[in-house]
Amino acid sequence: DKLPGFKGGLEGLMNYLGREVMYPRSAMEAGIQGIVYVSFVVMEDGSIAQIGVLRGIGGGCDEASITVVQDMPKWIPGSHRGKLARIQFNLPVRFVLR
């Protein structure tokens, strides 16, 4: 009924990712760009579990995406039928060379 949320909302999540995602040197040197899709479960207490890559781009970007998700602060948990529930969330992590 209610999806989990990052504290600070979507803007807070984007700020967090922009600050914390480290572009791997090997990916930069190889010119690797793209989006890594990470899947995880937001638990009843807001913690993150069962992290995995749905679609990666290689060059260390997949691992960097997993690390940033593992290090996230707790989320605001979601609910189903009025009770706190585990809810799967898919997050795109964008790697763009400038």
C-alpha atoms as a PDB file:
ATOM      1  CA  ASP A   1       0.000   0.000   0.000  1.00  0.00           C
ATOM      2  CA  LYS A   2       2.848   2.383   0.833  1.00  0.00           C
ATOM      3  CA  LEU A   3       6.215   2.163  -0.904  1.00  0.00           C
ATOM      4  CA  PRO A   4       9.433   2.579   1.063  1.00  0.00           C
ATOM      5  CA  GLY A   5      11.126   5.951   0.818  1.00  0.00           C
ATOM      6  CA  PHE A   6      14.569   7.424   1.183  1.00  0.00           C
ATOM      7  CA  LYS A   7      14.779  10.073   3.882  1.00  0.00           C
ATOM      8  CA  GLY A   8      14.726  13.342   1.971  1.00  0.00           C
ATOM      9  CA  GLY A   9      12.666  11.829  -0.844  1.00  0.00           C
ATOM     10  CA  LEU A  10      13.800  11.407  -4.427  1.00  0.00           C
ATOM     11  CA  GLU A  11      15.891  14.576  -4.247  1.00  0.00           C
ATOM     12  CA  GLY A  12      17.647  13.275  -1.142  1.00  0.00           C
ATOM     13  CA  LEU A  13      18.348   9.957  -2.872  1.00  0.00           C
ATOM     14  CA  MET A  14      19.776  11.679  -5.955  1.00  0.00           C
ATOM     15  CA  ASN A  15      21.976  13.893  -3.749  1.00  0.00           C
ATOM     16  CA  TYR A  16      23.184  10.830  -1.831  1.00  0.00           C
ATOM     17  CA  LEU A  17      24.052   8.951  -5.030  1.00  0.00           C
ATOM     18  CA  GLY A  18      25.767  11.996  -6.532  1.00  0.00           C
ATOM     19  CA  ARG A  19      27.910  12.379  -3.419  1.00  0.00           C
ATOM     20  CA  GLU A  20      28.686   8.741  -2.707  1.00  0.00           C
ATOM     21  CA  VAL A  21      29.028   6.912  -6.044  1.00  0.00           C
ATOM     22  CA  MET A  22      32.694   6.559  -6.935  1.00  0.00           C
ATOM     23  CA  TYR A  23      33.369   6.165 -10.655  1.00  0.00           C
ATOM     24  CA  PRO A  24      35.906   3.311 -10.955  1.00  0.00           C
ATOM     25  CA  ARG A  25      39.185   4.356 -12.568  1.00  0.00           C
ATOM     26  CA  SER A  26      39.186   1.292 -14.822  1.00  0.00           C
ATOM     27  CA  ALA A  27      35.720   2.224 -16.149  1.00  0.00           C
ATOM     28  CA  MET A  28      36.856   5.806 -16.778  1.00  0.00           C
ATOM     29  CA  GLU A  29      39.954   4.684 -18.645  1.00  0.00           C
ATOM     30  CA  ALA A  30      37.900   2.242 -20.749  1.00  0.00           C
ATOM     31  CA  GLY A  31      35.240   4.869 -21.454  1.00  0.00           C
ATOM     32  CA  ILE A  32      32.500   2.762 -19.868  1.00  0.00           C
ATOM     33  CA  GLN A  33      29.239   4.632 -19.316  1.00  0.00           C
ATOM     34  CA  GLY A  34      25.677   3.564 -18.685  1.00  0.00           C
ATOM     35  CA  ILE A  35      23.182   2.595 -16.037  1.00  0.00           C
ATOM     36  CA  VAL A  36      23.577  -0.180 -13.482  1.00  0.00           C
ATOM     37  CA  TYR A  37      20.226  -1.487 -12.233  1.00  0.00           C
ATOM     38  CA  VAL A  38      20.446  -2.600  -8.612  1.00  0.00           C
ATOM     39  CA  SER A  39      17.714  -4.552  -6.845  1.00  0.00           C
ATOM     40  CA  PHE A  40      17.345  -4.677  -3.064  1.00  0.00           C
ATOM     41  CA  VAL A  41      14.759  -5.255  -0.361  1.00  0.00           C
ATOM     42  CA  VAL A  42      13.808  -2.574   2.144  1.00  0.00           C
ATOM     43  CA  MET A  43      13.117  -4.483   5.358  1.00  0.00           C
ATOM     44  CA  GLU A  44      10.466  -3.707   7.962  1.00  0.00           C
ATOM     45  CA  ASP A  45      12.982  -1.698   9.992  1.00  0.00           C
ATOM     46  CA  GLY A  46      14.181   0.284   6.941  1.00  0.00           C
ATOM     47  CA  SER A  47      17.449  -1.618   6.562  1.00  0.00           C
ATOM     48  CA  ILE A  48      18.628  -2.821   3.142  1.00  0.00           C
ATOM     49  CA  ALA A  49      19.043  -6.532   2.312  1.00  0.00           C
ATOM     50  CA  GLN A  50      19.301  -8.925  -0.644  1.00  0.00           C
ATOM     51  CA  ILE A  51      21.284  -6.553  -2.855  1.00  0.00           C
ATOM     52  CA  GLY A  52      21.956  -7.675  -6.400  1.00  0.00           C
ATOM     53  CA  VAL A  53      22.658  -6.333  -9.872  1.00  0.00           C
ATOM     54  CA  LEU A  54      19.802  -6.795 -12.338  1.00  0.00           C
ATOM     55  CA  ARG A  55      21.755  -5.367 -15.272  1.00  0.00           C
ATOM     56  CA  GLY A  56      25.344  -4.220 -15.099  1.00  0.00           C
ATOM     57  CA  ILE A  57      27.832  -2.454 -17.322  1.00  0.00           C
ATOM     58  CA  GLY A  58      31.123  -3.850 -15.985  1.00  0.00           C
ATOM     59  CA  GLY A  59      34.382  -2.035 -15.416  1.00  0.00           C
ATOM     60  CA  GLY A  60      33.848  -2.031 -11.651  1.00  0.00           C
ATOM     61  CA  CYS A  61      30.621   0.021 -11.921  1.00  0.00           C
ATOM     62  CA  ASP A  62      28.477  -2.918 -10.779  1.00  0.00           C
ATOM     63  CA  GLU A  63      30.547  -3.335  -7.622  1.00  0.00           C
ATOM     64  CA  ALA A  64      30.557   0.440  -6.974  1.00  0.00           C
ATOM     65  CA  SER A  65      26.751   0.438  -7.220  1.00  0.00           C
ATOM     66  CA  ILE A  66      26.425  -2.432  -4.748  1.00  0.00           C
ATOM     67  CA  THR A  67      28.775  -0.665  -2.322  1.00  0.00           C
ATOM     68  CA  VAL A  68      26.793   2.589  -2.406  1.00  0.00           C
ATOM     69  CA  VAL A  69      23.541   0.694  -1.747  1.00  0.00           C
ATOM     70  CA  GLN A  70      25.117  -1.297   1.105  1.00  0.00           C
ATOM     71  CA  ASP A  71      26.262   1.953   2.723  1.00  0.00           C
ATOM     72  CA  MET A  72      22.866   3.712   2.448  1.00  0.00           C
ATOM     73  CA  PRO A  73      21.248   4.992   5.615  1.00  0.00           C
ATOM     74  CA  LYS A  74      18.041   3.267   6.669  1.00  0.00           C
ATOM     75  CA  TRP A  75      14.976   3.989   4.558  1.00  0.00           C
ATOM     76  CA  ILE A  76      11.461   4.782   5.710  1.00  0.00           C
ATOM     77  CA  PRO A  77       9.877   1.319   5.517  1.00  0.00           C
ATOM     78  CA  GLY A  78       6.921   0.511   3.329  1.00  0.00           C
ATOM     79  CA  SER A  79       3.690  -1.140   4.363  1.00  0.00           C
ATOM     80  CA  HIS A  80       1.123  -3.556   2.987  1.00  0.00           C
ATOM     81  CA  ARG A  81      -2.426  -3.641   4.360  1.00  0.00           C
ATOM     82  CA  GLY A  82      -1.412  -1.374   7.211  1.00  0.00           C
ATOM     83  CA  LYS A  83       1.516  -3.524   8.397  1.00  0.00           C
ATOM     84  CA  LEU A  84       5.210  -2.894   7.858  1.00  0.00           C
ATOM     85  CA  ALA A  85       6.448  -5.102   5.049  1.00  0.00           C
ATOM     86  CA  ARG A  86       9.552  -6.109   3.129  1.00  0.00           C
ATOM     87  CA  ILE A  87       9.398  -4.456  -0.262  1.00  0.00           C
ATOM     88  CA  GLN A  88      11.697  -4.965  -3.235  1.00  0.00           C
ATOM     89  CA  PHE A  89      13.060  -1.823  -4.843  1.00  0.00           C
ATOM     90  CA  ASN A  90      14.946  -1.392  -8.122  1.00  0.00           C
ATOM     91  CA  LEU A  91      17.351   1.526  -8.391  1.00  0.00           C
ATOM     92  CA  PRO A  92      19.127   2.797 -11.506  1.00  0.00           C
ATOM     93  CA  VAL A  93      22.655   4.090 -10.816  1.00  0.00           C
ATOM     94  CA  ARG A  94      23.921   6.215 -13.697  1.00  0.00           C
ATOM     95  CA  PHE A  95      27.600   6.443 -14.687  1.00  0.00           C
ATOM     96  CA  VAL A  96      28.337   9.296 -17.110  1.00  0.00           C
ATOM     97  CA  LEU A  97      31.758  10.608 -18.146  1.00  0.00           C
ATOM     98  CA  ARG A  98      32.020  14.377 -18.412  1.00  0.00           C
END
